[in-house]
Amino acid sequence: MPKPALTLHLAAPRGFCAGVDRAIKIVEMALEKWGAPVFVRHEIVHNKYVVDDLRAKGAVFVEELDECPEDRPVIFSAHGVPKAVPAEAERREMIFVDATCPLVSKVHNEAARHAENGLQMIMIGHAGHPETIGTMGQLPPGEVLLVETPADVARVEVRDPERLAFVTQTTLSIDDTAEIVAALKARFPAIVGPHKEDICYATTNRQAAVKQMAPDCDALLVVGAPNSSNSRRLVEVASRAGCSYAQLVQRAADIDWRALEGIRSVGITAGASAPEVLIDEVVAAFRSRYDVTVHPVVTAEENIEFKVPRALREPA
């Protein structure tokens, strides 16, 4: 029996960004330099496949620094950490490597600079996300106020409406963030923003690709982890852009084939922490059930690379 025809719209760019690539390399190079075990505070990136692979190589993932012994190296995740964490590692005389994405570090530096100028910070982000915790933890309690929605902007209580600045989490929805920024500027006309938006190039590019292909797709699958902010935003962007069925899947085994019955076109993309091997796995699953024609949707070229810290490039 012939397989039904299906067009697969494959987003480009998709998957790993430079910050994720660098963070994974840092763990691998640390294992090569110091041997196992190497401790990692929080998941290095939000992807189970990546974390399990590094765990098999000798990485030990913990949530807090006090779970790490003093005689083994510890790595801080790509999402960034509050200032108190490296300070405590230094106090305990631990070897530590900071794998914070340079674009997140840029937001940390912005926050510190505004604080030095006497401005109170407002952060647009998701409560409880490690990146938000890390950025808010760059300054003393009360110096960074969190808003998640325009309604939060209406309620937030500030010290001086004339002395404010804002930063954002790097993995937010561009459209949602624009609404919140507009609300901030309307309520606090003197508020200072970043020279260039904090939402990173990879988040921006992946959302743009989804916006372009979503109207042409009966369904759109985002390969990514449920705790990955940028992956979840891609699902929301697809739904808003006109795709009637948008779903987050960690692996091919998670695809709900019954929900896809009768479809003729599917979009596939991946969050910035999902490796290409998982996208290949999803494409192969479709090929086993359909006569697939792959249609690449290329909206940007990415050639950014971030260097690993010098400590890892030097001999032990």
Protein backbone atom coordinates (compact mmCIF):
# COMPACT_ATOMS: atom_id res chain seq x y z
CA MET A 1 0.00 0.00 0.00
CA PRO A 2 1.52 3.36 -1.01
CA LYS A 3 2.34 5.83 1.74
CA PRO A 4 0.38 9.11 1.82
CA ALA A 5 2.24 12.15 0.49
CA LEU A 6 3.49 14.68 3.02
CA THR A 7 5.46 17.92 2.75
CA LEU A 8 7.86 18.54 5.64
CA HIS A 9 8.70 22.20 6.08
CA LEU A 10 12.07 22.16 7.86
CA ALA A 11 13.00 25.41 9.59
CA ALA A 12 16.47 26.88 9.28
CA PRO A 13 17.92 28.03 11.57
CA ARG A 14 16.83 25.51 14.20
CA GLY A 15 18.34 23.65 17.13
CA PHE A 16 21.63 24.45 18.83
CA CYS A 17 22.70 28.06 19.23
CA ALA A 18 26.26 29.23 19.88
CA GLY A 19 25.69 29.59 23.63
CA VAL A 20 24.39 26.03 23.98
CA ASP A 21 27.17 24.65 21.79
CA ARG A 22 29.77 26.43 23.95
CA ALA A 23 28.22 25.22 27.23
CA ILE A 24 28.23 21.57 26.14
CA LYS A 25 31.83 21.92 24.91
CA ILE A 26 32.81 23.33 28.32
CA VAL A 27 31.51 20.23 30.12
CA GLU A 28 33.20 17.89 27.63
CA MET A 29 36.52 19.77 27.84
CA ALA A 30 36.35 19.86 31.64
CA LEU A 31 35.91 16.07 31.68
CA GLU A 32 38.92 15.72 29.36
CA LYS A 33 41.04 18.07 31.49
CA TRP A 34 40.14 16.97 35.02
CA GLY A 35 38.54 13.55 34.50
CA ALA A 36 35.23 12.37 35.95
CA PRO A 37 33.34 13.33 37.93
CA VAL A 38 32.80 16.98 37.01
CA PHE A 39 29.85 18.60 38.77
CA VAL A 40 27.36 20.84 36.94
CA ARG A 41 25.06 23.19 38.87
CA HIS A 42 21.65 22.86 37.21
CA GLU A 43 21.12 21.22 33.81
CA ILE A 44 23.84 22.65 31.56
CA VAL A 45 21.11 23.28 28.95
CA HIS A 46 17.45 22.30 29.06
CA ASN A 47 17.49 19.06 27.09
CA LYS A 48 17.23 15.55 28.56
CA TYR A 49 19.13 13.89 25.68
CA VAL A 50 22.09 16.26 26.10
CA VAL A 51 22.10 15.96 29.90
CA ASP A 52 21.88 12.14 29.78
CA ASP A 53 24.73 12.00 27.25
CA LEU A 54 26.98 14.16 29.45
CA ARG A 55 25.97 12.19 32.55
CA ALA A 56 27.10 8.99 30.79
CA LYS A 57 30.49 10.67 30.19
CA GLY A 58 30.94 11.50 33.88
CA ALA A 59 29.07 14.76 34.56
CA VAL A 60 27.10 14.92 37.81
CA PHE A 61 24.15 17.32 37.77
CA VAL A 62 23.10 19.02 41.00
CA GLU A 63 20.80 21.91 41.84
CA GLU A 64 22.89 23.71 44.45
CA LEU A 65 26.56 24.33 45.11
CA ASP A 66 26.39 22.74 48.57
CA GLU A 67 25.84 19.37 46.84
CA CYS A 68 29.32 19.64 45.27
CA PRO A 69 32.52 18.42 46.97
CA GLU A 70 35.31 20.98 47.25
CA ASP A 71 37.90 18.78 45.52
CA ARG A 72 36.09 18.43 42.17
CA PRO A 73 35.45 21.07 39.47
CA VAL A 74 31.99 22.58 39.15
CA ILE A 75 30.45 24.20 36.07
CA PHE A 76 27.69 26.82 36.11
CA SER A 77 24.96 26.30 33.50
CA ALA A 78 24.38 28.33 30.33
CA HIS A 79 21.44 30.11 31.99
CA GLY A 80 23.66 32.02 34.42
CA VAL A 81 23.78 32.09 38.22
CA PRO A 82 23.26 34.69 40.96
CA LYS A 83 26.44 36.53 42.00
CA ALA A 84 26.41 34.70 45.34
CA VAL A 85 27.17 31.34 43.65
CA PRO A 86 30.68 32.06 42.25
CA ALA A 87 31.39 34.05 45.42
CA GLU A 88 30.64 30.96 47.52
CA ALA A 89 32.72 28.75 45.15
CA GLU A 90 35.65 31.14 45.63
CA ARG A 91 35.19 31.10 49.40
CA ARG A 92 35.35 27.29 49.34
CA GLU A 93 38.42 27.48 47.05
CA MET A 94 36.73 25.33 44.41
CA ILE A 95 37.74 25.04 40.77
CA PHE A 96 34.76 26.42 38.81
CA VAL A 97 34.02 27.25 35.19
CA ASP A 98 31.22 29.61 34.22
CA ALA A 99 29.34 28.35 31.14
CA THR A 100 26.86 31.26 31.19
CA CYS A 101 25.93 32.21 27.63
CA PRO A 102 27.81 35.43 26.71
CA LEU A 103 24.48 36.98 25.67
CA VAL A 104 23.10 36.34 29.17
CA SER A 105 26.31 37.75 30.67
CA LYS A 106 25.68 40.89 28.59
CA VAL A 107 22.30 41.30 30.35
CA HIS A 108 24.03 40.80 33.74
CA ASN A 109 26.52 43.54 32.84
CA GLU A 110 23.72 45.89 31.75
CA ALA A 111 21.92 45.39 35.07
CA ALA A 112 25.12 46.07 37.04
CA ARG A 113 25.86 49.21 34.99
CA HIS A 114 22.35 50.62 35.53
CA ALA A 115 22.58 49.89 39.27
CA GLU A 116 25.91 51.77 39.44
CA ASN A 117 24.08 54.73 37.90
CA GLY A 118 21.49 54.59 40.69
CA LEU A 119 18.67 53.07 38.63
CA GLN A 120 16.27 50.46 39.94
CA MET A 121 15.82 47.54 37.49
CA ILE A 122 12.69 45.97 36.07
CA MET A 123 13.20 42.56 34.51
CA ILE A 124 10.83 41.11 31.92
CA GLY A 125 11.02 37.36 32.42
CA HIS A 126 9.45 34.17 33.75
CA ALA A 127 9.40 33.67 37.52
CA GLY A 128 11.43 30.67 38.61
CA HIS A 129 13.35 30.27 35.35
CA PRO A 130 17.09 29.84 36.11
CA GLU A 131 18.02 32.69 33.77
CA THR A 132 15.65 35.06 35.58
CA ILE A 133 16.95 33.90 38.97
CA GLY A 134 20.54 34.42 37.77
CA THR A 135 19.93 37.91 36.39
CA MET A 136 17.92 39.11 39.39
CA GLY A 137 20.65 37.68 41.61
CA GLN A 138 23.25 40.04 40.15
CA LEU A 139 21.92 42.81 42.38
CA PRO A 140 20.79 43.02 46.03
CA PRO A 141 17.18 42.00 46.88
CA GLY A 142 14.63 44.62 45.86
CA GLU A 143 16.87 46.16 43.21
CA VAL A 144 15.35 44.05 40.41
CA LEU A 145 11.56 43.84 40.08
CA LEU A 146 10.08 41.09 37.90
CA VAL A 147 7.20 41.58 35.46
CA GLU A 148 5.75 38.81 33.28
CA THR A 149 2.74 40.56 31.68
CA PRO A 150 1.42 44.06 30.88
CA ALA A 151 -0.91 43.61 33.89
CA ASP A 152 2.17 43.20 36.11
CA VAL A 153 3.47 46.53 34.78
CA ALA A 154 0.30 48.25 36.00
CA ARG A 155 0.81 46.82 39.50
CA VAL A 156 4.56 47.09 40.01
CA GLU A 157 5.66 49.44 42.80
CA VAL A 158 8.92 51.28 42.11
CA ARG A 159 11.14 53.47 44.27
CA ASP A 160 11.33 56.40 41.82
CA PRO A 161 9.57 56.37 38.42
CA GLU A 162 12.24 58.75 37.09
CA ARG A 163 15.13 56.39 37.97
CA LEU A 164 14.34 53.09 36.23
CA ALA A 165 15.85 50.76 33.63
CA PHE A 166 14.68 47.44 32.20
CA VAL A 167 16.29 44.23 30.94
CA THR A 168 14.73 41.04 29.58
CA GLN A 169 15.25 37.31 29.67
CA THR A 170 16.94 36.27 26.39
CA THR A 171 14.45 33.52 25.43
CA LEU A 172 11.10 35.33 25.45
CA SER A 173 8.46 35.74 22.76
CA ILE A 174 9.42 38.82 20.74
CA ASP A 175 5.78 39.90 20.34
CA ASP A 176 4.86 39.41 24.01
CA THR A 177 7.97 41.30 25.10
CA ALA A 178 7.18 44.21 22.78
CA GLU A 179 3.76 44.54 24.46
CA ILE A 180 5.32 44.60 27.93
CA VAL A 181 7.99 47.12 26.87
CA ALA A 182 5.24 49.35 25.45
CA ALA A 183 3.37 49.15 28.77
CA LEU A 184 6.56 50.02 30.70
CA LYS A 185 7.28 53.03 28.49
CA ALA A 186 3.68 54.22 28.75
CA ARG A 187 3.68 54.07 32.56
CA PHE A 188 7.32 55.11 33.07
CA PRO A 189 8.31 57.43 30.17
CA ALA A 190 11.81 57.97 31.64
CA ILE A 191 12.65 54.24 31.79
CA VAL A 192 15.98 53.31 30.17
CA GLY A 193 16.14 50.24 27.92
CA PRO A 194 19.02 48.28 26.39
CA HIS A 195 20.72 49.71 23.26
CA LYS A 196 19.67 46.55 21.47
CA GLU A 197 16.96 44.20 22.73
CA ASP A 198 18.13 41.48 25.10
CA ILE A 199 16.23 38.69 23.33
CA CYS A 200 19.05 36.75 21.70
CA TYR A 201 19.68 36.30 17.99
CA ALA A 202 18.88 32.56 18.15
CA THR A 203 15.49 33.09 19.81
CA THR A 204 14.69 35.85 17.30
CA ASN A 205 15.74 33.78 14.26
CA ARG A 206 13.88 30.63 15.33
CA GLN A 207 10.68 32.57 15.98
CA ALA A 208 10.97 34.31 12.58
CA ALA A 209 11.30 30.96 10.77
CA VAL A 210 8.24 29.58 12.56
CA LYS A 211 6.20 32.70 11.72
CA GLN A 212 7.08 32.28 8.06
CA MET A 213 6.20 28.61 7.73
CA ALA A 214 3.30 28.23 10.20
CA PRO A 215 0.54 29.45 7.80
CA ASP A 216 1.59 26.76 5.26
CA CYS A 217 1.50 23.89 7.78
CA ASP A 218 -1.42 21.71 8.91
CA ALA A 219 0.67 20.95 12.01
CA LEU A 220 3.96 22.14 13.46
CA LEU A 221 6.22 20.20 15.82
CA VAL A 222 8.85 21.84 18.00
CA VAL A 223 11.57 19.46 19.14
CA GLY A 224 12.56 20.55 22.63
CA ALA A 225 12.23 20.01 26.37
CA PRO A 226 9.19 21.04 28.41
CA ASN A 227 11.44 23.15 30.70
CA SER A 228 13.01 24.95 27.72
CA SER A 229 11.66 28.50 27.60
CA ASN A 230 12.67 29.20 24.00
CA SER A 231 11.11 25.89 22.81
CA ARG A 232 7.80 26.61 24.51
CA ARG A 233 7.74 30.09 23.00
CA LEU A 234 8.10 28.52 19.52
CA VAL A 235 4.90 26.52 20.09
CA GLU A 236 3.05 29.70 21.09
CA VAL A 237 4.45 31.61 18.10
CA ALA A 238 3.30 28.84 15.71
CA SER A 239 -0.24 28.89 17.12
CA ARG A 240 -0.49 32.67 16.85
CA ALA A 241 0.93 32.62 13.32
CA GLY A 242 -1.98 30.52 12.08
CA CYS A 243 -0.98 26.88 12.58
CA SER A 244 -4.00 24.99 13.98
CA TYR A 245 -1.92 22.25 15.66
CA ALA A 246 1.41 23.10 17.30
CA GLN A 247 3.05 20.64 19.67
CA LEU A 248 6.24 20.34 21.72
CA VAL A 249 7.89 16.90 21.48
CA GLN A 250 11.09 15.78 23.19
CA ARG A 251 11.67 12.89 20.78
CA ALA A 252 10.00 11.03 17.90
CA ALA A 253 8.38 8.65 20.41
CA ASP A 254 6.34 11.59 21.76
CA ILE A 255 4.60 12.36 18.43
CA ASP A 256 0.82 11.95 18.67
CA TRP A 257 0.19 10.29 15.30
CA ARG A 258 -3.60 10.15 15.78
CA ALA A 259 -3.70 13.94 16.07
CA LEU A 260 -1.89 14.13 12.71
CA GLU A 261 -4.27 11.89 10.73
CA GLY A 262 -5.19 13.40 7.35
CA ILE A 263 -2.48 16.07 7.38
CA ARG A 264 -0.58 16.96 4.20
CA SER A 265 2.05 19.38 5.50
CA VAL A 266 4.03 19.52 8.74
CA GLY A 267 6.51 22.08 9.98
CA ILE A 268 9.47 20.95 12.06
CA THR A 269 11.77 23.13 14.11
CA ALA A 270 13.76 22.77 17.31
CA GLY A 271 14.55 24.88 20.33
CA ALA A 272 18.06 26.22 20.85
CA SER A 273 19.04 23.39 23.22
CA ALA A 274 17.86 20.48 21.02
CA PRO A 275 20.58 18.57 19.11
CA GLU A 276 20.22 17.84 15.39
CA VAL A 277 20.16 14.08 16.05
CA LEU A 278 16.68 14.48 17.57
CA ILE A 279 15.41 16.39 14.52
CA ASP A 280 16.83 13.62 12.29
CA GLU A 281 14.96 11.10 14.44
CA VAL A 282 11.65 12.96 13.96
CA VAL A 283 12.17 13.28 10.18
CA ALA A 284 12.94 9.53 9.99
CA ALA A 285 9.71 8.77 11.88
CA PHE A 286 7.73 10.73 9.28
CA ARG A 287 9.57 9.02 6.41
CA SER A 288 8.57 5.61 7.82
CA ARG A 289 4.88 6.58 7.61
CA TYR A 290 4.68 9.00 4.68
CA ASP A 291 6.11 9.66 1.24
CA VAL A 292 7.99 12.73 2.41
CA THR A 293 9.09 15.77 0.42
CA VAL A 294 11.36 18.03 2.48
CA HIS A 295 10.95 21.76 1.94
CA PRO A 296 13.65 23.84 3.74
CA VAL A 297 12.44 27.20 5.09
CA VAL A 298 15.59 29.31 5.39
CA THR A 299 15.09 32.71 7.00
CA ALA A 300 18.59 33.48 8.32
CA GLU A 301 22.18 32.26 8.28
CA GLU A 302 23.92 31.78 11.62
CA ASN A 303 27.70 31.69 11.91
CA ILE A 304 28.23 32.95 15.46
CA GLU A 305 30.69 31.08 17.66
CA PHE A 306 31.63 31.78 21.29
CA LYS A 307 35.04 30.83 22.66
CA VAL A 308 35.34 28.56 25.70
CA PRO A 309 37.08 30.04 28.78
CA ARG A 310 40.88 30.18 28.62
CA ALA A 311 41.16 27.94 31.74
CA LEU A 312 39.94 25.00 29.65
CA ARG A 313 42.35 25.67 26.80
CA GLU A 314 45.37 25.56 29.10
CA PRO A 315 46.90 22.25 30.28
CA ALA A 316 45.90 20.93 33.72
